[in-house]
Amino acid sequence: MVVFASLALVLLGAILGEMAFVSDKNKTSTLFQKLVVLTCAAIAYSFVGFGLSQGNLVQGWSQMFSSSGTISGNLIQGLVISIVIGVFATNALAERSQTLVYGGLAVAIGLVIEPLVQLFLQSDGFFAKMGFLDNQTISIQLAIAVIAFVSSKQIGARLGKYQNNKVNALPSANLYLVGFSVLLSWIGWPLFIQTILVQQATTALHAKFFFVILLIPAINFVVAMIISKLYYHYIDVVLVIHATTLGVLSSASLSTQTNVLVLILANILSVPLLFWLIEWLDKKAKIDDPSSVIALFGLSSLQVLILKMLFSNATATLGSNRLQWFLGSVIGYLLLALGISVIAYVTLKIISYTTHGIRLSVMEETVGKDSSIFHLPANFQGLPAVNYGKVPVMEQVDADQLTPPVESDGNPSQSNQGAQVEASGVIRKFEILTNPNRFDRLVEELNAIGVAGMNVSNVTGFGIQKGHSSYYRGLEVDTNFLPKIKLEVVVNTISTTEMLQAIQRALYTGHVGDGKVFISTINHVVRVSTGEQDSQALEYE
């Protein structure tokens, strides 16, 4: 049960991790694609991959179950690893690749990549003989990073990522999910490493294991906040969460094999390297990886490799030949990366040549896969808006300091020559656009002059301000939209002068961004419940 619990936590963390970085129009298809990966990897490994990992396809089938009916531990291990690699590696393909790509890569992982890795890493395998000793704590993370890198490079970036000679940030409205993803991974990934790869019962885990997997990610979290504040002059929450995830991955792999102080120091040094690598992939390599799995798993695998080479005891296996351990580890790591990249590249080329391509059309990507591919109701909620905290908050001016926009007799002032002169009994509609922090004051002032009702909506837009700078993963968010509120009020007994004075008392600061009021004449009003019309329809006694 621990095996399946750890698998469930890891997979749920991976799924939430991708959903955190996709737009609303692709949320349902994202979950569906993960199911595609899970089923394709499981079927491919169970019927073919497991047999290949045992060196004989037919013999592999016969070894799936023992005479007593229990399932082979090797089958469970390979099956789980194939699914985990597939689910995490395809996170880099979000929002722009055909569903067939997810299935094709999953089949390649279960059919070829995981079986060959198992064969080569066995005690009498090719990599083991040359000195690359790994229980797949390195190879799993390396496979995820390499497959994600190759597929992202071949498929290309999402629409809008690179245009006008600028690298644009594309944050989603679901970033809150990445926090849940990290919390689940913080529990699930260490259990996955220990119960699946190390094959150690949770009751036998050393106390050092629990200490390290709690300490290292926490230290990474604090270090990342400090570095982010010093380098970017603000705390980049997404980068801080990525750094925490890096601590989870490395601590789970090395918790009982390396000195704690060495592991702490290595992770502190890895945090700025992670920031740099994410920035390099975005700006220099032009690899669009929404959830940063390339940087996270690539850097973690390299970190685990180096610490194992420097501090693990290999003499039990290799005798005193330490040089063979170093050279074998480096060469094996590079050969493994090369072999996985070739398999991933060939898989995508085969899919591309035998189908209509691996990339969504411009229309499909623009509309979203939920509606264009799966014909689900379109969902375009979550229009990105600049963080309102970036806008300077002006002090409210006292009402006594204000100059009324309209003279008390209702005639236009010199500064408002275009204002409408109201006629007695004319029904008017006031549309008020302003900043959200003025809402309570505005409602209070309107109620004070007898406004009986209003409609309020949250909107995004921009005026002369053209938005303000906001940042995401070290990149400037390319949007001019600011959050606004829009109040719609229909009146017939309150004068335009009173309305404008009340609005100005609530909103005026004397700076750009106070808001605008649009006044229009309503030709006809009907109350549905009684059939009353015009002025009578607005009167409630």
Protein backbone atom coordinates (compact mmCIF):
# COMPACT_ATOMS: atom_id res chain seq x y z
CA MET A 1 0.00 0.00 0.00
CA VAL A 2 2.90 2.37 0.68
CA VAL A 3 4.04 1.88 -2.92
CA PHE A 4 0.72 2.94 -4.37
CA ALA A 5 0.29 5.75 -1.84
CA SER A 6 3.68 7.22 -2.77
CA LEU A 7 2.88 6.82 -6.48
CA ALA A 8 -0.47 8.55 -6.01
CA LEU A 9 1.12 11.49 -4.18
CA VAL A 10 3.87 11.89 -6.78
CA LEU A 11 1.45 11.71 -9.71
CA LEU A 12 -1.00 14.11 -8.10
CA GLY A 13 1.85 16.51 -7.43
CA ALA A 14 2.97 16.28 -11.06
CA ILE A 15 -0.56 16.84 -12.41
CA LEU A 16 -1.18 19.84 -10.16
CA GLY A 17 2.26 21.12 -11.09
CA GLU A 18 1.32 21.25 -14.76
CA MET A 19 -2.22 22.54 -14.18
CA ALA A 20 -0.71 25.41 -12.18
CA PHE A 21 1.02 26.72 -15.30
CA VAL A 22 -1.68 26.24 -17.96
CA SER A 23 -4.55 28.54 -18.84
CA ASP A 24 -8.17 27.78 -18.02
CA LYS A 25 -8.90 26.79 -21.61
CA ASN A 26 -6.55 23.77 -21.26
CA LYS A 27 -7.21 22.50 -17.72
CA THR A 28 -9.44 19.55 -18.59
CA SER A 29 -7.28 18.44 -21.52
CA THR A 30 -4.22 18.56 -19.26
CA LEU A 31 -5.76 16.00 -16.92
CA PHE A 32 -6.85 13.86 -19.85
CA GLN A 33 -3.34 13.87 -21.32
CA LYS A 34 -1.89 12.65 -18.04
CA LEU A 35 -4.30 9.74 -18.15
CA VAL A 36 -3.08 9.04 -21.69
CA VAL A 37 0.51 8.97 -20.44
CA LEU A 38 -0.34 6.71 -17.50
CA THR A 39 -2.23 4.13 -19.56
CA CYS A 40 0.22 4.06 -22.49
CA ALA A 41 3.29 3.74 -20.26
CA ALA A 42 1.65 1.04 -18.13
CA ILE A 43 0.54 -1.06 -21.10
CA ALA A 44 3.83 -0.68 -22.99
CA TYR A 45 5.96 -1.68 -20.01
CA SER A 46 3.72 -4.49 -18.80
CA PHE A 47 3.39 -6.33 -22.12
CA VAL A 48 6.78 -5.62 -23.69
CA GLY A 49 9.08 -3.50 -21.56
CA PHE A 50 9.20 -5.80 -18.56
CA GLY A 51 10.17 -8.76 -20.71
CA LEU A 52 12.95 -6.75 -22.36
CA SER A 53 14.23 -5.65 -18.95
CA GLN A 54 14.56 -9.34 -18.01
CA GLY A 55 16.48 -10.04 -21.19
CA ASN A 56 13.81 -12.26 -22.72
CA LEU A 57 10.33 -11.17 -23.78
CA VAL A 58 8.61 -14.54 -23.30
CA GLN A 59 10.49 -15.27 -20.11
CA GLY A 60 9.48 -11.85 -18.83
CA TRP A 61 5.82 -12.69 -19.24
CA SER A 62 6.28 -15.88 -17.27
CA GLN A 63 7.97 -13.98 -14.44
CA MET A 64 5.21 -11.41 -13.94
CA PHE A 65 3.48 -13.53 -11.32
CA SER A 66 4.81 -16.18 -8.98
CA SER A 67 3.20 -19.59 -8.52
CA SER A 68 1.41 -18.22 -5.46
CA GLY A 69 -0.05 -15.36 -7.49
CA THR A 70 2.05 -12.52 -6.05
CA ILE A 71 3.26 -9.90 -8.51
CA SER A 72 6.92 -9.45 -9.32
CA GLY A 73 8.65 -6.63 -7.44
CA ASN A 74 10.66 -5.79 -10.56
CA LEU A 75 7.44 -5.42 -12.55
CA ILE A 76 5.99 -3.00 -10.03
CA GLN A 77 9.22 -1.01 -9.88
CA GLY A 78 9.58 -0.66 -13.66
CA LEU A 79 5.90 0.07 -14.13
CA VAL A 80 5.89 2.84 -11.53
CA ILE A 81 9.12 4.37 -12.84
CA SER A 82 7.83 4.40 -16.44
CA ILE A 83 4.67 6.22 -15.35
CA VAL A 84 6.56 8.75 -13.21
CA ILE A 85 9.03 9.58 -15.99
CA GLY A 86 6.25 9.98 -18.52
CA VAL A 87 4.01 12.16 -16.34
CA PHE A 88 6.78 14.56 -15.29
CA ALA A 89 8.59 14.74 -18.65
CA THR A 90 5.44 15.71 -20.56
CA ASN A 91 4.85 18.68 -18.22
CA ALA A 92 7.13 20.64 -20.55
CA LEU A 93 4.73 20.17 -23.49
CA ALA A 94 1.79 22.02 -21.97
CA GLU A 95 -0.74 23.80 -24.20
CA ARG A 96 0.89 23.31 -27.59
CA SER A 97 1.42 19.64 -28.46
CA GLN A 98 -0.89 17.02 -29.94
CA THR A 99 -2.29 14.39 -27.59
CA LEU A 100 -0.60 11.71 -29.70
CA VAL A 101 2.77 13.10 -28.60
CA TYR A 102 1.94 12.34 -24.97
CA GLY A 103 0.98 8.79 -25.83
CA GLY A 104 3.95 8.25 -28.15
CA LEU A 105 6.51 9.41 -25.60
CA ALA A 106 4.86 7.29 -22.90
CA VAL A 107 5.05 4.21 -25.13
CA ALA A 108 8.73 4.92 -25.89
CA ILE A 109 9.46 5.22 -22.17
CA GLY A 110 7.70 2.01 -21.20
CA LEU A 111 8.79 0.06 -24.28
CA VAL A 112 12.44 1.10 -24.67
CA ILE A 113 13.87 3.70 -22.31
CA GLU A 114 13.04 2.22 -18.89
CA PRO A 115 13.80 -1.44 -19.89
CA LEU A 116 17.20 -0.48 -21.36
CA VAL A 117 18.09 1.64 -18.33
CA GLN A 118 17.27 -1.28 -16.06
CA LEU A 119 19.37 -3.66 -18.15
CA PHE A 120 22.39 -1.36 -18.24
CA LEU A 121 22.23 -0.49 -14.53
CA GLN A 122 22.01 -4.08 -13.28
CA SER A 123 25.00 -5.37 -11.33
CA ASP A 124 26.28 -7.12 -14.45
CA GLY A 125 25.07 -4.43 -16.84
CA PHE A 126 27.10 -2.19 -19.12
CA PHE A 127 26.98 0.95 -16.96
CA ALA A 128 27.62 -0.93 -13.72
CA LYS A 129 30.73 -2.58 -15.17
CA MET A 130 32.16 0.76 -16.27
CA GLY A 131 31.60 2.25 -12.80
CA PHE A 132 28.27 4.10 -13.09
CA LEU A 133 26.50 2.74 -10.02
CA ASP A 134 22.94 4.00 -9.72
CA ASN A 135 19.73 2.60 -8.28
CA GLN A 136 17.91 4.93 -10.73
CA THR A 137 17.81 7.92 -8.38
CA ILE A 138 19.96 9.68 -10.99
CA SER A 139 18.67 8.08 -14.19
CA ILE A 140 14.98 8.82 -13.48
CA GLN A 141 15.61 12.52 -13.01
CA LEU A 142 17.98 12.62 -15.97
CA ALA A 143 15.43 10.89 -18.20
CA ILE A 144 12.73 13.40 -17.22
CA ALA A 145 14.99 16.37 -17.96
CA VAL A 146 16.32 15.01 -21.27
CA ILE A 147 12.92 13.96 -22.66
CA ALA A 148 11.45 17.33 -21.65
CA PHE A 149 14.36 19.21 -23.26
CA VAL A 150 14.29 17.32 -26.56
CA SER A 151 10.51 17.43 -26.94
CA SER A 152 10.27 21.13 -25.99
CA LYS A 153 12.99 21.97 -28.48
CA GLN A 154 11.32 20.06 -31.31
CA ILE A 155 7.79 21.28 -30.66
CA GLY A 156 8.71 24.90 -30.04
CA ALA A 157 7.45 27.56 -27.68
CA ARG A 158 3.88 28.55 -26.94
CA LEU A 159 2.31 31.35 -28.93
CA GLY A 160 3.33 34.72 -27.57
CA LYS A 161 6.41 33.46 -25.73
CA TYR A 162 8.91 34.98 -28.16
CA GLN A 163 7.78 37.94 -30.22
CA ASN A 164 8.98 41.44 -31.06
CA ASN A 165 12.52 40.41 -30.07
CA LYS A 166 11.38 39.96 -26.49
CA VAL A 167 10.99 37.02 -24.13
CA ASN A 168 7.51 37.26 -22.66
CA ALA A 169 6.29 35.74 -19.42
CA LEU A 170 3.05 33.76 -19.74
CA PRO A 171 1.71 33.26 -16.21
CA SER A 172 -1.59 31.46 -15.72
CA ALA A 173 -4.46 32.19 -13.39
CA ASN A 174 -3.91 28.89 -11.55
CA LEU A 175 -0.49 29.46 -9.99
CA TYR A 176 -1.87 28.77 -6.52
CA LEU A 177 -1.88 25.06 -7.46
CA VAL A 178 1.92 24.94 -7.57
CA GLY A 179 1.97 25.26 -3.78
CA PHE A 180 -0.18 22.15 -3.41
CA SER A 181 2.09 20.41 -5.92
CA VAL A 182 5.17 21.07 -3.80
CA LEU A 183 3.48 19.95 -0.58
CA LEU A 184 2.41 16.66 -2.17
CA SER A 185 5.87 16.12 -3.68
CA TRP A 186 7.50 16.88 -0.33
CA ILE A 187 5.75 13.83 1.07
CA GLY A 188 5.44 11.61 -1.99
CA TRP A 189 8.87 11.91 -3.63
CA PRO A 190 10.93 10.71 -0.62
CA LEU A 191 8.54 7.78 -0.15
CA PHE A 192 8.81 7.02 -3.86
CA ILE A 193 12.62 7.00 -3.73
CA GLN A 194 12.86 4.85 -0.60
CA THR A 195 10.07 2.34 -1.21
CA ILE A 196 10.36 1.97 -5.00
CA LEU A 197 14.05 2.48 -5.74
CA VAL A 198 15.82 1.66 -2.49
CA GLN A 199 13.10 -0.94 -1.67
CA GLN A 200 13.24 -0.08 2.01
CA ALA A 201 10.24 -0.34 4.32
CA THR A 202 9.13 2.94 5.85
CA THR A 203 9.41 1.43 9.34
CA ALA A 204 13.12 0.84 8.76
CA LEU A 205 13.97 4.34 7.54
CA HIS A 206 16.77 6.00 9.45
CA ALA A 207 15.95 9.06 11.59
CA LYS A 208 18.43 11.02 9.48
CA PHE A 209 16.16 10.50 6.47
CA PHE A 210 13.23 12.32 8.05
CA PHE A 211 15.48 15.07 9.38
CA VAL A 212 17.09 15.75 6.01
CA ILE A 213 13.94 15.73 3.88
CA LEU A 214 12.39 18.30 6.21
CA LEU A 215 15.51 20.46 6.64
CA ILE A 216 16.93 20.80 3.11
CA PRO A 217 13.79 22.05 1.30
CA ALA A 218 13.17 24.50 4.16
CA ILE A 219 16.69 25.88 3.85
CA ASN A 220 16.28 26.17 0.07
CA PHE A 221 13.05 28.09 0.62
CA VAL A 222 14.74 30.69 2.83
CA VAL A 223 17.85 30.99 0.65
CA ALA A 224 15.72 31.41 -2.48
CA MET A 225 13.73 34.24 -0.90
CA ILE A 226 16.93 36.06 0.06
CA ILE A 227 18.56 35.61 -3.36
CA SER A 228 15.36 36.58 -5.16
CA LYS A 229 15.05 39.75 -3.10
CA LEU A 230 18.69 40.71 -3.66
CA TYR A 231 18.82 39.88 -7.37
CA TYR A 232 15.33 40.85 -8.58
CA HIS A 233 14.49 43.33 -5.78
CA TYR A 234 11.29 41.42 -5.08
CA ILE A 235 10.42 37.90 -3.92
CA ASP A 236 9.60 35.77 -6.94
CA VAL A 237 7.23 33.24 -5.39
CA VAL A 238 7.39 30.78 -8.30
CA LEU A 239 11.20 30.65 -8.27
CA VAL A 240 11.16 30.19 -4.50
CA ILE A 241 8.79 27.24 -4.88
CA HIS A 242 11.02 25.77 -7.60
CA ALA A 243 14.02 26.02 -5.27
CA THR A 244 12.04 24.23 -2.56
CA THR A 245 11.21 21.45 -5.02
CA LEU A 246 14.90 21.11 -5.88
CA GLY A 247 15.60 20.57 -2.19
CA VAL A 248 12.93 17.86 -2.05
CA LEU A 249 14.41 16.02 -5.05
CA SER A 250 18.03 16.09 -3.90
CA SER A 251 17.38 15.39 -0.22
CA ALA A 252 15.22 12.37 -1.02
CA SER A 253 17.98 10.90 -3.21
CA LEU A 254 20.91 11.59 -0.88
CA SER A 255 19.41 11.73 2.60
CA THR A 256 21.28 8.76 4.02
CA GLN A 257 24.33 8.73 1.73
CA THR A 258 25.94 12.14 2.30
CA ASN A 259 27.00 14.26 5.23
CA VAL A 260 24.19 16.64 6.21
CA LEU A 261 26.43 19.73 6.17
CA VAL A 262 27.70 18.85 2.70
CA LEU A 263 24.14 18.41 1.45
CA ILE A 264 23.11 21.77 2.95
CA LEU A 265 26.03 23.57 1.34
CA ALA A 266 25.42 21.90 -2.03
CA ASN A 267 21.77 22.97 -2.03
CA ILE A 268 22.59 26.54 -1.02
CA LEU A 269 24.96 26.75 -3.99
CA SER A 270 22.37 25.11 -6.26
CA VAL A 271 19.68 27.75 -5.67
CA PRO A 272 21.36 30.60 -7.63
CA LEU A 273 22.38 28.02 -10.24
CA LEU A 274 18.72 27.02 -10.60
CA PHE A 275 17.69 30.65 -11.08
CA TRP A 276 20.37 31.09 -13.72
CA LEU A 277 19.44 27.88 -15.54
CA ILE A 278 15.74 28.79 -15.72
CA GLU A 279 16.67 32.23 -17.05
CA TRP A 280 19.14 30.74 -19.55
CA LEU A 281 16.57 28.29 -20.90
CA ASP A 282 14.06 31.10 -21.34
CA LYS A 283 16.28 33.83 -22.74
CA LYS A 284 19.24 32.15 -24.44
CA ALA A 285 18.23 28.60 -25.39
CA LYS A 286 14.62 29.74 -26.07
CA ILE A 287 13.23 26.55 -24.58
CA ASP A 288 9.69 27.05 -23.32
CA ASP A 289 9.29 24.89 -20.23
CA PRO A 290 6.26 26.22 -18.28
CA SER A 291 6.81 24.17 -15.11
CA SER A 292 10.66 24.19 -15.21
CA VAL A 293 11.03 20.40 -15.13
CA ILE A 294 14.15 20.61 -17.33
CA ALA A 295 15.99 22.85 -14.89
CA LEU A 296 14.69 21.12 -11.76
CA PHE A 297 15.33 17.49 -12.67
CA GLY A 298 18.41 18.18 -14.77
CA LEU A 299 20.13 20.13 -12.00
CA SER A 300 19.00 17.66 -9.33
CA SER A 301 20.35 14.66 -11.26
CA LEU A 302 23.68 16.41 -11.75
CA GLN A 303 23.83 17.38 -8.09
CA VAL A 304 23.14 13.81 -6.95
CA LEU A 305 25.77 12.48 -9.38
CA ILE A 306 28.49 14.86 -8.14
CA LEU A 307 27.77 14.29 -4.45
CA LYS A 308 27.72 10.53 -4.93
CA MET A 309 31.05 10.66 -6.77
CA LEU A 310 32.68 12.80 -4.10
CA PHE A 311 31.23 11.41 -0.90
CA SER A 312 29.73 7.96 -1.44
CA ASN A 313 31.75 4.87 -0.64
CA ALA A 314 32.23 2.86 -3.83
CA THR A 315 35.02 0.61 -2.55
CA ALA A 316 32.57 -2.19 -1.71
CA THR A 317 31.83 -2.60 -5.40
CA LEU A 318 34.88 -1.26 -7.21
CA GLY A 319 37.59 -2.03 -4.72
CA SER A 320 40.20 0.70 -4.49
CA ASN A 321 39.81 1.85 -8.09
CA ARG A 322 38.34 5.27 -7.32
CA LEU A 323 39.28 6.62 -10.75
CA GLN A 324 37.02 4.05 -12.41
CA TRP A 325 34.16 5.30 -10.21
CA PHE A 326 34.70 8.90 -11.32
CA LEU A 327 35.21 8.25 -15.03
CA GLY A 328 32.50 5.60 -15.20
CA SER A 329 29.99 7.87 -13.52
CA VAL A 330 30.68 10.82 -15.82
CA ILE A 331 30.78 8.76 -19.02
CA GLY A 332 27.76 6.72 -18.01
CA TYR A 333 25.80 9.87 -17.20
CA LEU A 334 26.61 11.41 -20.59
CA LEU A 335 25.92 8.20 -22.52
CA LEU A 336 22.60 7.77 -20.73
CA ALA A 337 21.60 11.34 -21.59
CA LEU A 338 22.63 10.85 -25.21
CA GLY A 339 20.77 7.55 -25.58
CA ILE A 340 17.54 8.88 -24.05
CA SER A 341 17.68 12.02 -26.20
CA VAL A 342 18.11 9.94 -29.39
CA ILE A 343 15.13 7.72 -28.51
CA ALA A 344 12.95 10.75 -27.70
CA TYR A 345 14.01 12.55 -30.87
CA VAL A 346 13.33 9.53 -33.10
CA THR A 347 9.96 8.95 -31.42
CA LEU A 348 8.83 12.50 -32.14
CA LYS A 349 10.09 12.33 -35.73
CA ILE A 350 8.14 9.13 -36.33
CA ILE A 351 4.98 10.72 -34.90
CA SER A 352 5.52 13.84 -37.00
CA TYR A 353 6.05 11.94 -40.26
CA THR A 354 3.17 9.50 -39.79
CA THR A 355 0.55 12.01 -38.61
CA HIS A 356 -0.37 15.63 -39.22
CA GLY A 357 2.46 16.85 -37.00
CA ILE A 358 3.27 17.14 -33.33
CA ARG A 359 2.25 20.77 -32.85
CA LEU A 360 -1.25 22.21 -32.49
CA SER A 361 -2.44 24.58 -35.18
CA VAL A 362 -2.51 28.30 -34.39
CA MET A 363 -6.30 28.16 -34.12
CA GLU A 364 -6.28 25.14 -31.80
CA GLU A 365 -3.67 26.66 -29.53
CA THR A 366 -5.41 30.04 -29.46
CA VAL A 367 -8.84 28.64 -28.66
CA GLY A 368 -7.49 25.97 -26.33
CA LYS A 369 -7.50 22.19 -26.49
CA ASP A 370 -10.56 21.80 -24.28
CA SER A 371 -12.84 23.19 -26.99
CA SER A 372 -10.86 22.79 -30.22
CA ILE A 373 -9.76 19.17 -29.69
CA PHE A 374 -12.17 17.70 -27.16
CA HIS A 375 -15.21 19.92 -27.90
CA LEU A 376 -15.70 20.85 -24.27
CA PRO A 377 -17.25 24.20 -23.29
CA ALA A 378 -14.61 26.91 -23.67
CA ASN A 379 -13.35 28.59 -20.51
CA PHE A 380 -11.50 31.87 -20.88
CA GLN A 381 -11.59 33.03 -17.29
CA GLY A 382 -8.52 34.37 -15.63
CA LEU A 383 -7.46 37.21 -17.95
CA PRO A 384 -4.01 38.08 -16.57
CA ALA A 385 -3.80 41.42 -14.81
CA VAL A 386 -0.84 43.24 -13.35
CA ASN A 387 -0.54 42.89 -9.61
CA TYR A 388 -2.41 45.85 -8.18
CA GLY A 389 0.21 46.23 -5.48
CA LYS A 390 2.50 47.71 -8.15
CA VAL A 391 0.21 50.76 -8.55
CA PRO A 392 1.02 53.69 -6.24
CA VAL A 393 -1.75 54.16 -3.67
CA MET A 394 -2.64 57.85 -3.39
CA GLU A 395 -3.98 59.45 -0.23
CA GLN A 396 -7.71 60.25 -0.22
CA VAL A 397 -8.39 64.00 -0.40
CA ASP A 398 -10.97 65.45 2.01
CA ALA A 399 -14.28 66.43 0.44
CA ASP A 400 -13.84 70.05 1.60
CA GLN A 401 -10.78 70.39 -0.66
CA LEU A 402 -12.67 69.47 -3.82
CA THR A 403 -13.85 71.75 -6.59
CA PRO A 404 -17.19 70.42 -7.83
CA PRO A 405 -17.03 69.26 -11.47
CA VAL A 406 -20.47 70.79 -12.08
CA GLU A 407 -21.82 74.07 -10.70
CA SER A 408 -24.52 73.77 -8.04
CA ASP A 409 -27.16 75.16 -10.41
CA GLY A 410 -26.58 72.30 -12.80
CA ASN A 411 -24.85 74.34 -15.53
CA PRO A 412 -21.53 73.11 -16.93
CA SER A 413 -18.37 74.61 -15.39
CA GLN A 414 -15.53 75.99 -17.50
CA SER A 415 -13.58 72.74 -17.04
CA ASN A 416 -16.49 70.50 -18.01
CA GLN A 417 -17.93 72.13 -21.10
CA GLY A 418 -18.79 68.76 -22.57
CA ALA A 419 -20.92 67.66 -19.61
CA GLN A 420 -24.56 66.84 -20.31
CA VAL A 421 -27.20 69.22 -18.86
CA GLU A 422 -29.86 67.01 -17.37
CA ALA A 423 -33.54 67.48 -18.11
CA SER A 424 -36.13 66.92 -15.41
CA GLY A 425 -37.10 63.28 -15.12
CA VAL A 426 -34.50 62.04 -17.62
CA ILE A 427 -33.36 58.51 -16.79
CA ARG A 428 -29.58 58.36 -16.80
CA LYS A 429 -27.08 55.55 -16.51
CA PHE A 430 -23.74 56.14 -14.76
CA GLU A 431 -20.91 53.69 -15.51
CA ILE A 432 -18.10 54.25 -13.03
CA LEU A 433 -14.69 52.69 -13.64
CA THR A 434 -12.14 52.99 -10.86
CA ASN A 435 -9.60 51.18 -8.68
CA PRO A 436 -10.79 48.34 -6.41
CA ASN A 437 -9.49 49.98 -3.24
CA ARG A 438 -12.05 52.80 -3.64
CA PHE A 439 -15.06 50.49 -3.76
CA ASP A 440 -16.26 50.74 -0.15
CA ARG A 441 -15.91 54.52 -0.07
CA LEU A 442 -17.79 54.86 -3.37
CA VAL A 443 -20.71 52.70 -2.22
CA GLU A 444 -20.91 54.68 1.01
CA GLU A 445 -21.11 58.03 -0.80
CA LEU A 446 -23.69 56.81 -3.32
CA ASN A 447 -25.90 55.35 -0.60
CA ALA A 448 -25.70 58.66 1.27
CA ILE A 449 -27.36 60.55 -1.61
CA GLY A 450 -30.12 57.98 -2.04
CA VAL A 451 -28.88 55.58 -4.72
CA ALA A 452 -31.15 52.56 -4.30
CA GLY A 453 -29.22 49.92 -6.24
CA MET A 454 -26.24 49.21 -8.45
CA ASN A 455 -24.53 46.49 -10.43
CA VAL A 456 -20.85 45.81 -9.68
CA SER A 457 -18.37 43.75 -11.70
CA ASN A 458 -14.64 43.09 -11.64
CA VAL A 459 -13.01 43.96 -14.94
CA THR A 460 -9.50 44.43 -16.31
CA GLY A 461 -8.36 47.17 -18.61
CA PHE A 462 -6.11 50.17 -19.02
CA GLY A 463 -6.24 53.86 -19.74
CA ILE A 464 -3.48 56.39 -20.07
CA GLN A 465 -1.44 54.53 -17.43
CA LYS A 466 -0.91 51.57 -19.81
CA GLY A 467 -0.41 49.24 -16.85
CA HIS A 468 2.57 48.79 -14.58
CA SER A 469 5.50 46.37 -14.59
CA SER A 470 5.02 42.93 -13.05
CA TYR A 471 7.38 39.96 -13.06
CA TYR A 472 7.15 36.19 -13.17
CA ARG A 473 10.10 33.76 -13.01
CA GLY A 474 12.46 36.68 -13.61
CA LEU A 475 10.65 37.84 -16.76
CA GLU A 476 8.51 40.93 -17.19
CA VAL A 477 4.84 40.14 -17.67
CA ASP A 478 3.75 41.51 -21.04
CA THR A 479 0.32 42.91 -20.19
CA ASN A 480 -1.15 46.37 -19.87
CA PHE A 481 -4.24 45.26 -18.02
CA LEU A 482 -5.00 46.54 -14.54
CA PRO A 483 -7.75 45.28 -12.23
CA LYS A 484 -10.72 47.63 -12.10
CA ILE A 485 -14.24 47.67 -10.73
CA LYS A 486 -17.21 48.86 -12.76
CA LEU A 487 -20.36 50.16 -11.06
CA GLU A 488 -23.50 50.68 -13.10
CA VAL A 489 -26.15 52.93 -11.56
CA VAL A 490 -29.46 54.03 -13.14
CA VAL A 491 -31.15 57.10 -11.61
CA ASN A 492 -33.93 59.54 -12.46
CA THR A 493 -34.53 61.58 -9.26
CA ILE A 494 -30.92 62.31 -8.32
CA SER A 495 -29.30 65.11 -10.31
CA THR A 496 -26.17 64.65 -12.32
CA THR A 497 -24.51 67.27 -10.15
CA GLU A 498 -25.19 65.29 -6.96
CA MET A 499 -24.00 62.07 -8.54
CA LEU A 500 -20.74 63.56 -9.80
CA GLN A 501 -20.02 65.30 -6.52
CA ALA A 502 -20.58 62.07 -4.58
CA ILE A 503 -18.38 60.11 -6.99
CA GLN A 504 -15.64 62.71 -6.77
CA ARG A 505 -15.76 62.73 -2.97
CA ALA A 506 -15.16 58.98 -3.02
CA LEU A 507 -12.54 58.73 -5.78
CA TYR A 508 -10.67 61.99 -6.19
CA THR A 509 -6.92 62.11 -5.42
CA GLY A 510 -5.84 64.41 -8.22
CA HIS A 511 -3.71 61.76 -9.92
CA VAL A 512 -4.05 59.66 -13.05
CA GLY A 513 -5.99 56.48 -12.26
CA ASP A 514 -8.81 57.95 -10.18
CA GLY A 515 -11.26 56.61 -12.74
CA LYS A 516 -13.84 57.69 -15.27
CA VAL A 517 -17.61 58.19 -15.32
CA PHE A 518 -19.64 57.53 -18.46
CA ILE A 519 -23.11 59.09 -18.46
CA SER A 520 -25.76 58.02 -20.96
CA THR A 521 -29.50 58.49 -21.40
CA ILE A 522 -31.79 55.48 -21.01
CA ASN A 523 -34.67 55.52 -23.47
CA HIS A 524 -36.90 52.91 -21.92
CA VAL A 525 -37.10 50.85 -18.70
CA VAL A 526 -39.54 47.99 -17.97
CA ARG A 527 -39.95 46.20 -14.64
CA VAL A 528 -40.61 42.58 -15.52
CA SER A 529 -42.56 41.66 -12.39
CA THR A 530 -45.26 44.38 -12.73
CA GLY A 531 -44.97 45.74 -16.24
CA GLU A 532 -44.33 49.27 -14.95
CA GLN A 533 -42.27 51.40 -17.30
CA ASP A 534 -39.71 54.21 -17.26
CA SER A 535 -39.64 56.32 -14.03
CA GLN A 536 -42.28 54.18 -12.33
CA ALA A 537 -40.15 51.08 -12.94
CA LEU A 538 -37.36 52.65 -10.86
CA GLU A 539 -39.52 53.62 -7.90
CA TYR A 540 -39.84 51.32 -4.89
CA GLU A 541 -42.08 52.31 -1.98
